[in-house]
C-alpha atoms as a PDB file:
ATOM      1  CA  MET A   1       0.041  -0.671  -0.170  1.00  0.00           C
ATOM      2  CA  LYS A   2       1.463   2.904  -1.288  1.00  0.00           C
ATOM      3  CA  ASN A   3      -0.033   5.409   0.510  1.00  0.00           C
ATOM      4  CA  LEU A   4       1.123   3.263   4.092  1.00  0.00           C
ATOM      5  CA  GLU A   5       4.539   4.088   3.109  1.00  0.00           C
ATOM      6  CA  ARG A   6       4.129   7.519   3.019  1.00  0.00           C
ATOM      7  CA  VAL A   7       2.547   8.211   6.110  1.00  0.00           C
ATOM      8  CA  ARG A   8       4.821   5.962   7.665  1.00  0.00           C
ATOM      9  CA  TRP A   9       7.497   8.908   5.859  1.00  0.00           C
ATOM     10  CA  ARG A  10       5.231  11.643   7.378  1.00  0.00           C
ATOM     11  CA  ALA A  11       5.300  10.410  10.565  1.00  0.00           C
ATOM     12  CA  ARG A  12       8.991  10.127  11.385  1.00  0.00           C
ATOM     13  CA  ARG A  13       9.581  13.082  13.846  1.00  0.00           C
ATOM     14  CA  GLY A  14      12.663  14.713  15.413  1.00  0.00           C
ATOM     15  CA  LEU A  15      11.215  14.106  18.734  1.00  0.00           C
ATOM     16  CA  LEU A  16      11.824  10.123  19.915  1.00  0.00           C
ATOM     17  CA  GLU A  17       8.901   9.728  21.585  1.00  0.00           C
ATOM     18  CA  LEU A  18       6.490  10.761  19.116  1.00  0.00           C
ATOM     19  CA  ASP A  19       8.592   8.576  16.150  1.00  0.00           C
ATOM     20  CA  ILE A  20       7.721   5.545  18.370  1.00  0.00           C
ATOM     21  CA  VAL A  21       4.322   7.015  19.464  1.00  0.00           C
ATOM     22  CA  LEU A  22       3.084   7.488  15.885  1.00  0.00           C
ATOM     23  CA  GLY A  23       4.902   4.558  14.650  1.00  0.00           C
ATOM     24  CA  ARG A  24       2.921   2.047  17.171  1.00  0.00           C
ATOM     25  CA  PHE A  25      -0.669   3.928  16.441  1.00  0.00           C
ATOM     26  CA  ILE A  26       0.441   3.709  12.161  1.00  0.00           C
ATOM     27  CA  GLU A  27       0.520  -0.324  13.263  1.00  0.00           C
ATOM     28  CA  ALA A  28      -1.607  -0.875  15.239  1.00  0.00           C
ATOM     29  CA  HIS A  29      -5.038   1.381  14.155  1.00  0.00           C
ATOM     30  CA  TYR A  30      -3.616   3.467  10.632  1.00  0.00           C
ATOM     31  CA  ALA A  31      -5.509   0.888   8.013  1.00  0.00           C
ATOM     32  CA  GLN A  32      -8.897   0.522  10.434  1.00  0.00           C
ATOM     33  CA  LEU A  33      -9.309   4.914  10.318  1.00  0.00           C
ATOM     34  CA  ASP A  34     -12.341   5.724   7.531  1.00  0.00           C
ATOM     35  CA  ASP A  35     -11.204   8.531   5.297  1.00  0.00           C
ATOM     36  CA  ALA A  36     -12.504  11.397   7.938  1.00  0.00           C
ATOM     37  CA  GLY A  37      -9.899  10.115  10.229  1.00  0.00           C
ATOM     38  CA  ARG A  38      -7.169   9.595   7.761  1.00  0.00           C
ATOM     39  CA  GLN A  39      -7.308  13.002   7.003  1.00  0.00           C
ATOM     40  CA  ALA A  40      -7.428  14.132  10.651  1.00  0.00           C
ATOM     41  CA  PHE A  41      -4.296  12.315  10.938  1.00  0.00           C
ATOM     42  CA  GLU A  42      -2.870  14.499   8.380  1.00  0.00           C
ATOM     43  CA  VAL A  43      -4.081  17.930   9.754  1.00  0.00           C
ATOM     44  CA  LEU A  44      -1.564  16.411  12.787  1.00  0.00           C
ATOM     45  CA  LEU A  45       1.340  15.268  10.675  1.00  0.00           C
ATOM     46  CA  ASP A  46       1.192  18.873   9.717  1.00  0.00           C
ATOM     47  CA  MET A  47       2.540  20.381  13.178  1.00  0.00           C
ATOM     48  CA  PRO A  48       5.528  20.896  14.520  1.00  0.00           C
ATOM     49  CA  ASP A  49       7.223  18.568  16.848  1.00  0.00           C
ATOM     50  CA  ASN A  50       6.653  20.196  19.961  1.00  0.00           C
ATOM     51  CA  PRO A  51       3.184  21.103  19.799  1.00  0.00           C
ATOM     52  CA  LEU A  52       2.371  18.182  17.938  1.00  0.00           C
ATOM     53  CA  TRP A  53       3.431  16.459  21.663  1.00  0.00           C
ATOM     54  CA  ASP A  54       2.011  18.453  23.678  1.00  0.00           C
ATOM     55  CA  MET A  55      -1.379  16.913  22.610  1.00  0.00           C
ATOM     56  CA  ILE A  56      -0.639  13.744  22.501  1.00  0.00           C
ATOM     57  CA  SER A  57       0.879  14.075  26.018  1.00  0.00           C
ATOM     58  CA  GLY A  58      -2.182  15.693  26.779  1.00  0.00           C
ATOM     59  CA  ARG A  59      -0.633  19.029  28.182  1.00  0.00           C
ATOM     60  CA  GLN A  60      -2.162  21.143  25.308  1.00  0.00           C
ATOM     61  CA  GLU A  61      -6.215  20.784  24.641  1.00  0.00           C
ATOM     62  CA  ALA A  62      -7.543  19.707  20.791  1.00  0.00           C
ATOM     63  CA  ALA A  63     -10.071  21.185  19.118  1.00  0.00           C
ATOM     64  CA  PRO A  64     -12.975  18.590  19.711  1.00  0.00           C
ATOM     65  CA  GLY A  65     -14.059  16.657  17.257  1.00  0.00           C
ATOM     66  CA  GLU A  66     -12.963  14.032  14.838  1.00  0.00           C
ATOM     67  CA  GLN A  67      -8.846  15.195  16.559  1.00  0.00           C
ATOM     68  CA  GLN A  68     -10.059  15.513  19.122  1.00  0.00           C
ATOM     69  CA  ALA A  69     -10.629  11.857  19.352  1.00  0.00           C
ATOM     70  CA  LEU A  70      -7.995  10.365  17.171  1.00  0.00           C
ATOM     71  CA  LEU A  71      -5.367  11.782  19.724  1.00  0.00           C
ATOM     72  CA  GLU A  72      -7.802   9.755  22.079  1.00  0.00           C
ATOM     73  CA  LYS A  73      -6.755   6.467  20.369  1.00  0.00           C
ATOM     74  CA  ILE A  74      -3.190   7.410  19.671  1.00  0.00           C
ATOM     75  CA  ARG A  75      -2.739   8.216  23.427  1.00  0.00           C
ATOM     76  CA  THR A  76      -3.986   4.637  23.694  1.00  0.00           C
ATOM     77  CA  VAL A  77      -0.485   2.479  22.464  1.00  0.00           C
END
């Protein structure tokens, strides 16, 4: 799946913690995401490392909706 390889590449980050968490999420849950979930994940991947890590770790709130649900799923890995 070419798209999956592209997502794996985009998920590689400068912060080791992000590399680990995003990689585990992709392996465990990405294939089950619907189009809205995949789009929300793409938006997260567009974010700089520190704000993204703050959202994943719960130090910064995400917008309610699809992004919030996705972050909760990411936190479980």
